[in-house]
C-alpha cells in the first residue's frame, strides 16, 4: 500500500551539513542553484544540473550556500540565484514541478530538498526574537542567534491529504485555483494540538460537510512547494450530504473509477491515492 515517492533520496546520496576535511580541493560539485521553486539547469537534449568548482566559474552569480551531502561521493551544494537575466546562454531556469521526469531521479529528489533548504536559509538571516543576524552552525542544519541564543531549524508544515470513499465511489472536489475541470482528493493543514486523524475528520467535515470513519494511514510525501509534508490517509464515508464550503470548494461529488474527471499528475500523492483506489476497484 506504501506509495512510490518521487522525492525519495536513494542510498547513493549521503546527507551532510559540511564537506569532509579530506575532500579534494579540485572536486567537481553538483550545484543546485535555486530561486524560489525554480532551478538552474543546463540546456541540452537531456536536462541536467551544473557541475563546477564554483558557480562563478560558470558565470552564474549566487549568494550563500548550504552543503547538502554527497551523491556517489560527489559533493552537492545548494545556493541562491541572484540574477536570472544574467544567466549564460547555456543555462535556463525551470520550475521544480516541470523537472519531474526530466531530471534523473536522484538529482530531482536532491533538488526538492535543495529548494526548501535555500528558502529556509534566505528567510532566516535574522533572529525571529531579537532581529540579530544569525550564525550558521557548522555541525547541524540550524542557525543560532549570538545574542539571545535562539536556534532556528528548517521548518515543515504538515498537512493531511485523504481519499474519502463510499462503497466503490470516491469523493473528489474542485478548488477555485485548480486548472479547468480538474478535481482532486481533499487536503488541509494540521492545526496545533491535533492528531493527524483528527485533522482528517475536521477537514472533511469543514470542506464538504460529511463525517468519516475507519481512517487509515496510506503513505507520506515531501511536498517542497514550498515546505510541506503531505501525510496521506484513506477514510470511509460515515454520514451526511455533500455540502461544499463556499470559499474553499467550488464543486464536490462522488465518482466511480470508470468516470473520473481530470485529476492531478503523477508527481503528487493525491494521484497515488486515486490510482490506488482505482486499482483496488479493478481487482
Protein backbone atom coordinates (compact mmCIF):
# COMPACT_ATOMS: atom_id res chain seq x y z
CA UNK A 1 0.00 0.00 0.00
CA UNK A 2 3.00 2.30 0.50
CA UNK A 3 3.14 4.68 -2.49
CA UNK A 4 6.21 5.27 -4.59
CA UNK A 5 7.78 8.58 -3.58
CA UNK A 6 9.32 10.66 -6.39
CA UNK A 7 11.08 12.78 -3.76
CA UNK A 8 12.77 9.78 -2.11
CA UNK A 9 16.52 10.12 -1.61
CA UNK A 10 18.34 6.99 -2.81
CA UNK A 11 21.09 5.15 -0.98
CA UNK A 12 23.55 6.73 -3.43
CA UNK A 13 23.09 10.04 -1.60
CA UNK A 14 24.68 10.62 1.81
CA UNK A 15 23.32 13.75 3.57
CA UNK A 16 25.78 16.06 5.31
CA UNK A 17 25.87 19.62 6.59
CA UNK A 18 29.53 20.30 5.79
CA UNK A 19 32.19 18.88 3.47
CA UNK A 20 34.71 16.37 4.75
CA UNK A 21 38.15 17.67 5.63
CA UNK A 22 39.83 15.33 3.15
CA UNK A 23 37.70 16.31 0.12
CA UNK A 24 39.96 17.05 -2.89
CA UNK A 25 40.35 20.78 -3.49
CA UNK A 26 39.56 20.30 -7.18
CA UNK A 27 36.49 18.07 -6.69
CA UNK A 28 33.68 18.95 -9.09
CA UNK A 29 30.43 19.73 -7.35
CA UNK A 30 26.77 19.34 -8.27
CA UNK A 31 25.28 22.83 -7.90
CA UNK A 32 21.60 23.14 -7.03
CA UNK A 33 21.11 26.81 -7.88
CA UNK A 34 17.66 27.87 -6.71
CA UNK A 35 15.35 30.84 -6.91
CA UNK A 36 12.12 30.02 -5.10
CA UNK A 37 10.91 26.72 -6.57
CA UNK A 38 12.98 27.23 -9.71
CA UNK A 39 16.38 25.74 -10.50
CA UNK A 40 19.14 26.48 -12.98
CA UNK A 41 19.56 23.61 -15.47
CA UNK A 42 21.76 23.11 -18.48
CA UNK A 43 20.16 23.43 -21.92
CA UNK A 44 20.68 20.05 -23.52
CA UNK A 45 18.78 17.15 -25.06
CA UNK A 46 18.76 15.62 -21.57
CA UNK A 47 18.43 18.19 -18.81
CA UNK A 48 20.95 18.13 -16.02
CA UNK A 49 22.34 20.41 -13.34
CA UNK A 50 25.56 22.45 -13.42
CA UNK A 51 28.80 20.84 -12.29
CA UNK A 52 31.77 23.03 -11.44
CA UNK A 53 34.17 24.01 -8.69
CA UNK A 54 32.01 27.09 -8.03
CA UNK A 55 29.05 28.82 -9.76
CA UNK A 56 31.11 31.90 -10.61
CA UNK A 57 33.34 29.75 -12.83
CA UNK A 58 30.19 29.21 -14.93
CA UNK A 59 29.32 32.88 -14.98
CA UNK A 60 26.42 32.46 -12.55
CA UNK A 61 26.02 34.92 -9.64
CA UNK A 62 24.81 33.40 -6.36
CA UNK A 63 24.62 34.27 -2.67
CA UNK A 64 25.07 32.00 0.34
CA UNK A 65 25.27 28.24 0.13
CA UNK A 66 24.19 25.18 2.07
CA UNK A 67 26.09 21.91 1.84
CA UNK A 68 23.68 19.04 1.10
CA UNK A 69 25.84 15.92 1.06
CA UNK A 70 27.38 13.53 -1.45
CA UNK A 71 25.91 11.79 -4.48
CA UNK A 72 28.13 8.84 -5.37
CA UNK A 73 30.90 10.61 -3.46
CA UNK A 74 30.47 13.87 -5.40
CA UNK A 75 29.66 16.98 -3.30
CA UNK A 76 26.21 18.56 -3.65
CA UNK A 77 25.69 22.20 -2.68
CA UNK A 78 22.56 24.35 -2.76
CA UNK A 79 22.81 28.07 -3.37
CA UNK A 80 20.54 31.01 -4.21
CA UNK A 81 20.49 32.59 -7.66
CA UNK A 82 20.71 36.38 -7.62
CA UNK A 83 20.06 37.36 -11.25
CA UNK A 84 18.17 35.28 -13.82
CA UNK A 85 18.64 37.83 -16.59
CA UNK A 86 22.44 37.48 -16.47
CA UNK A 87 22.49 33.69 -16.91
CA UNK A 88 24.89 32.46 -19.59
CA UNK A 89 23.18 31.21 -22.75
CA UNK A 90 23.81 27.53 -21.98
CA UNK A 91 21.65 27.65 -18.85
CA UNK A 92 17.97 28.22 -18.16
CA UNK A 93 15.68 28.38 -15.13
CA UNK A 94 12.91 25.78 -14.80
CA UNK A 95 10.32 25.14 -12.10
CA UNK A 96 10.88 22.07 -9.95
CA UNK A 97 7.49 20.62 -10.89
CA UNK A 98 8.44 20.69 -14.59
CA UNK A 99 11.69 18.88 -13.87
CA UNK A 100 9.90 15.73 -12.70
CA UNK A 101 10.62 13.09 -15.31
CA UNK A 102 13.18 15.37 -16.99
CA UNK A 103 15.97 15.19 -14.43
CA UNK A 104 17.42 11.85 -13.29
CA UNK A 105 15.51 10.63 -10.22
CA UNK A 106 18.38 11.15 -7.77
CA UNK A 107 19.04 14.72 -8.90
CA UNK A 108 15.31 15.54 -8.79
CA UNK A 109 14.96 14.27 -5.23
CA UNK A 110 18.01 16.23 -4.04
CA UNK A 111 16.73 19.31 -5.92
CA UNK A 112 13.47 19.09 -3.95
CA UNK A 113 15.48 19.12 -0.76
CA UNK A 114 17.66 21.97 -2.03
CA UNK A 115 14.81 24.39 -2.78
CA UNK A 116 13.46 24.00 0.75
CA UNK A 117 16.83 24.49 2.41
CA UNK A 118 17.69 27.52 0.27
CA UNK A 119 14.32 29.09 1.11
CA UNK A 120 14.93 28.47 4.82
CA UNK A 121 18.42 29.97 4.52
CA UNK A 122 17.03 33.04 2.74
CA UNK A 123 14.27 33.70 5.28
CA UNK A 124 16.27 33.07 8.47
CA UNK A 125 19.15 35.50 8.12
CA UNK A 126 17.97 37.29 11.28
CA UNK A 127 16.75 36.12 14.66
CA UNK A 128 12.97 35.97 14.87
CA UNK A 129 13.10 37.07 18.51
CA UNK A 130 15.60 39.95 18.64
CA UNK A 131 16.47 40.59 14.95
CA UNK A 132 20.20 39.95 15.43
CA UNK A 133 21.95 38.44 12.36
CA UNK A 134 22.09 34.66 12.83
CA UNK A 135 25.10 32.34 12.64
CA UNK A 136 25.06 29.13 10.61
CA UNK A 137 26.04 26.19 12.83
CA UNK A 138 28.71 24.01 11.20
CA UNK A 139 27.62 20.62 12.52
CA UNK A 140 23.84 20.75 12.10
CA UNK A 141 21.21 22.31 9.83
CA UNK A 142 20.46 25.18 12.16
CA UNK A 143 21.03 28.89 12.71
CA UNK A 144 21.79 30.34 16.12
CA UNK A 145 21.35 33.87 17.38
CA UNK A 146 24.61 35.06 19.03
CA UNK A 147 22.64 37.47 21.25
CA UNK A 148 19.68 35.51 22.67
CA UNK A 149 20.86 32.00 21.64
CA UNK A 150 17.61 31.15 19.83
CA UNK A 151 18.09 28.27 17.40
CA UNK A 152 16.12 28.05 14.18
CA UNK A 153 15.82 24.84 12.17
CA UNK A 154 14.25 24.26 8.76
CA UNK A 155 10.51 24.13 9.33
CA UNK A 156 7.94 21.85 7.74
CA UNK A 157 4.19 22.46 7.53
CA UNK A 158 2.47 19.07 7.98
CA UNK A 159 -0.73 18.56 6.02
CA UNK A 160 -3.08 15.63 5.60
CA UNK A 161 -4.45 14.50 2.26
CA UNK A 162 -7.24 11.97 2.23
CA UNK A 163 -9.23 9.85 -0.16
CA UNK A 164 -12.82 9.51 1.08
CA UNK A 165 -14.71 6.53 -0.34
CA UNK A 166 -18.28 5.23 -0.21
CA UNK A 167 -18.51 1.69 -1.50
CA UNK A 168 -16.95 1.75 -4.97
CA UNK A 169 -17.13 5.53 -5.33
CA UNK A 170 -14.60 8.13 -4.24
CA UNK A 171 -15.16 11.74 -3.28
CA UNK A 172 -13.38 14.32 -5.41
CA UNK A 173 -13.57 18.09 -5.12
CA UNK A 174 -12.59 21.10 -7.15
CA UNK A 175 -10.92 24.19 -5.65
CA UNK A 176 -11.20 27.57 -7.42
CA UNK A 177 -7.42 27.64 -8.03
CA UNK A 178 -7.41 24.35 -9.98
CA UNK A 179 -6.98 24.27 -13.73
CA UNK A 180 -10.17 23.92 -15.77
CA UNK A 181 -12.13 20.77 -14.93
CA UNK A 182 -9.60 19.25 -12.53
CA UNK A 183 -10.74 17.57 -9.32
CA UNK A 184 -8.70 16.06 -6.51
CA UNK A 185 -8.93 14.46 -3.10
CA UNK A 186 -9.31 16.67 -0.03
CA UNK A 187 -6.39 18.09 1.95
CA UNK A 188 -5.65 20.52 4.76
CA UNK A 189 -3.01 21.69 7.20
CA UNK A 190 -2.63 20.26 10.69
CA UNK A 191 -3.52 22.70 13.47
CA UNK A 192 -1.70 22.91 16.84
CA UNK A 193 -2.92 20.28 19.28
CA UNK A 194 -4.43 18.00 16.61
CA UNK A 195 -3.57 14.42 15.77
CA UNK A 196 -3.35 13.62 12.07
CA UNK A 197 -6.54 11.58 12.26
CA UNK A 198 -8.39 14.45 13.93
CA UNK A 199 -7.25 16.75 11.13
CA UNK A 200 -8.60 14.32 8.53
CA UNK A 201 -12.03 14.25 10.17
CA UNK A 202 -12.14 18.02 10.71
CA UNK A 203 -11.02 18.96 7.19
CA UNK A 204 -13.50 16.61 5.52
CA UNK A 205 -16.32 17.99 7.66
CA UNK A 206 -15.31 21.61 7.02
CA UNK A 207 -14.74 21.27 3.29
CA UNK A 208 -17.62 19.04 2.19
CA UNK A 209 -19.88 18.62 5.24
CA UNK A 210 -19.68 14.84 5.68
CA UNK A 211 -18.30 12.70 8.50
CA UNK A 212 -15.89 9.80 8.02
CA UNK A 213 -14.80 6.65 9.84
CA UNK A 214 -12.12 3.94 9.50
CA UNK A 215 -9.35 6.48 8.93
CA UNK A 216 -6.23 4.59 7.76
CA UNK A 217 -2.68 5.73 7.03
CA UNK A 218 -1.67 5.42 3.36
CA UNK A 219 1.77 6.99 2.97
CA UNK A 220 3.63 10.28 3.10
CA UNK A 221 5.44 12.53 0.68
CA UNK A 222 7.63 15.62 1.00
CA UNK A 223 6.00 18.49 -0.88
CA UNK A 224 8.52 21.28 -1.42
CA UNK A 225 6.01 23.92 -2.60
CA UNK A 226 7.32 25.49 -0.52
CA UNK A 227 7.80 23.37 2.66
CA UNK A 228 5.05 20.86 3.35
CA UNK A 229 4.98 17.23 4.38
CA UNK A 230 1.88 15.53 2.95
CA UNK A 231 0.57 12.64 5.05
CA UNK A 232 -1.92 10.52 3.12
CA UNK A 233 -4.95 8.69 4.51
CA UNK A 234 -8.00 6.81 3.32
CA UNK A 235 -11.32 7.31 5.10
CA UNK A 236 -14.71 5.68 4.71
CA UNK A 237 -17.86 7.80 4.39
CA UNK A 238 -20.00 7.64 7.52
CA UNK A 239 -22.84 10.16 7.23
CA UNK A 240 -24.01 13.47 5.85
CA UNK A 241 -24.74 15.09 2.49
CA UNK A 242 -22.00 16.73 0.43
CA UNK A 243 -22.15 20.47 1.13
CA UNK A 244 -19.08 22.24 -0.30
CA UNK A 245 -17.51 25.05 1.68
CA UNK A 246 -18.42 28.17 -0.36
CA UNK A 247 -14.92 29.67 -0.10
CA UNK A 248 -12.58 26.70 -0.45
CA UNK A 249 -14.54 24.25 -2.61
CA UNK A 250 -16.12 25.07 -5.95
CA UNK A 251 -17.68 21.64 -6.51
CA UNK A 252 -17.58 18.15 -4.98
CA UNK A 253 -19.22 14.84 -5.83
CA UNK A 254 -18.92 11.06 -5.80
CA UNK A 255 -17.22 9.49 -8.80
CA UNK A 256 -16.87 5.90 -9.92
CA UNK A 257 -13.41 4.68 -11.01
CA UNK A 258 -14.66 4.42 -14.59
CA UNK A 259 -15.88 8.02 -14.85
CA UNK A 260 -13.21 10.19 -13.25
CA UNK A 261 -12.78 13.87 -14.15
CA UNK A 262 -9.28 15.25 -14.84
CA UNK A 263 -7.11 14.57 -11.77
CA UNK A 264 -3.63 15.69 -10.59
CA UNK A 265 -0.46 14.48 -12.29
CA UNK A 266 1.67 11.54 -11.19
CA UNK A 267 4.08 13.67 -9.14
CA UNK A 268 1.59 14.07 -6.29
CA UNK A 269 0.44 11.72 -3.56
CA UNK A 270 -3.10 12.82 -4.48
CA UNK A 271 -2.75 10.93 -7.76
CA UNK A 272 -1.23 7.93 -5.98
CA UNK A 273 -4.26 7.76 -3.68
CA UNK A 274 -6.59 7.90 -6.67
CA UNK A 275 -4.60 5.32 -8.67
CA UNK A 276 -4.54 3.00 -5.66
CA UNK A 277 -8.32 3.20 -5.27
CA UNK A 278 -8.91 2.57 -8.98
CA UNK A 279 -6.57 -0.43 -8.87
CA UNK A 280 -8.46 -1.87 -5.89
CA UNK A 281 -11.74 -1.48 -7.75
CA UNK A 282 -10.34 -3.41 -10.75
CA UNK A 283 -9.44 -6.44 -8.65
